[in-house]
Amino acid sequence: MTARYEVAIYNAEVRRLVYTGDHHRDLADSWSETHYVEVVAENADRARAKIFNRYPRDRGFVIEAVKEA
């Protein structure tokens, strides 16, 4: 059975750059703040995996929380 999850995510690189008054070359400054993304998945671990497929860790994305919506 699947459920809808809300994932809180931000970009650590953008956050660091904005804090120092700079800008990321590819991502908007808004990624320094938490974004909430909904995803349908079988469980919270699968929700995390789906989000990291779309927003990769190696590009600086960090998941703060995952909760069932």
Protein backbone atom coordinates (compact mmCIF):
# COMPACT_ATOMS: atom_id res chain seq x y z
CA MET A 1 0.00 0.00 0.00
CA THR A 2 1.23 3.49 -0.79
CA ALA A 3 0.89 6.73 1.14
CA ARG A 4 1.59 10.39 0.51
CA TYR A 5 4.64 11.82 2.27
CA GLU A 6 5.76 15.40 2.78
CA VAL A 7 9.53 15.79 2.58
CA ALA A 8 11.31 18.88 3.93
CA ILE A 9 14.43 19.52 1.84
CA TYR A 10 16.99 22.30 1.29
CA ASN A 11 20.33 22.68 -0.48
CA ALA A 12 23.36 22.99 1.80
CA GLU A 13 25.56 24.52 -0.92
CA VAL A 14 23.03 27.26 -1.66
CA ARG A 15 22.52 27.88 2.07
CA ARG A 16 26.27 28.31 2.59
CA LEU A 17 26.63 30.62 -0.41
CA VAL A 18 23.64 32.79 0.52
CA TYR A 19 24.96 33.07 4.09
CA THR A 20 28.23 34.50 2.72
CA GLY A 21 26.40 36.85 0.31
CA ASP A 22 27.07 34.82 -2.82
CA HIS A 23 24.83 32.89 -5.23
CA HIS A 24 24.81 29.36 -6.60
CA ARG A 25 25.49 29.19 -10.33
CA ASP A 26 22.59 26.80 -11.08
CA LEU A 27 20.08 26.99 -8.23
CA ALA A 28 17.88 29.82 -6.95
CA ASP A 29 18.65 31.41 -3.59
CA SER A 30 15.30 30.08 -2.35
CA TRP A 31 16.93 26.64 -2.05
CA SER A 32 18.73 27.98 1.03
CA GLU A 33 15.34 27.68 2.73
CA THR A 34 13.34 24.56 3.35
CA HIS A 35 11.10 23.39 0.51
CA TYR A 36 8.25 20.93 1.07
CA VAL A 37 7.81 18.27 -1.61
CA GLU A 38 5.05 15.65 -1.67
CA VAL A 39 5.75 12.16 -2.92
CA VAL A 40 3.75 8.92 -3.02
CA ALA A 41 5.67 5.91 -1.73
CA GLU A 42 5.33 2.60 0.07
CA ASN A 43 7.07 3.92 3.22
CA ALA A 44 9.24 6.79 4.49
CA ASP A 45 12.48 5.14 3.31
CA ARG A 46 11.14 4.81 -0.24
CA ALA A 47 9.96 8.42 -0.08
CA ARG A 48 13.53 9.48 0.81
CA ALA A 49 14.93 7.40 -2.05
CA LYS A 50 12.50 8.95 -4.55
CA ILE A 51 13.37 12.46 -3.40
CA PHE A 52 17.13 11.79 -3.58
CA ASN A 53 16.64 10.50 -7.15
CA ARG A 54 15.14 13.88 -8.03
CA TYR A 55 17.33 16.00 -5.70
CA PRO A 56 20.70 14.22 -5.34
CA ARG A 57 22.80 14.36 -2.20
CA ASP A 58 25.94 14.87 -4.27
CA ARG A 59 24.44 18.17 -5.49
CA GLY A 60 24.03 19.39 -1.92
CA PHE A 61 20.43 18.48 -1.15
CA VAL A 62 19.62 17.61 2.46
CA ILE A 63 16.40 16.09 3.76
CA GLU A 64 15.37 17.59 7.09
CA ALA A 65 12.25 15.51 7.68
CA VAL A 66 9.85 13.02 6.14
CA LYS A 67 6.31 12.71 7.45
CA GLU A 68 3.14 11.11 6.23
CA ALA A 69 0.84 13.76 4.74
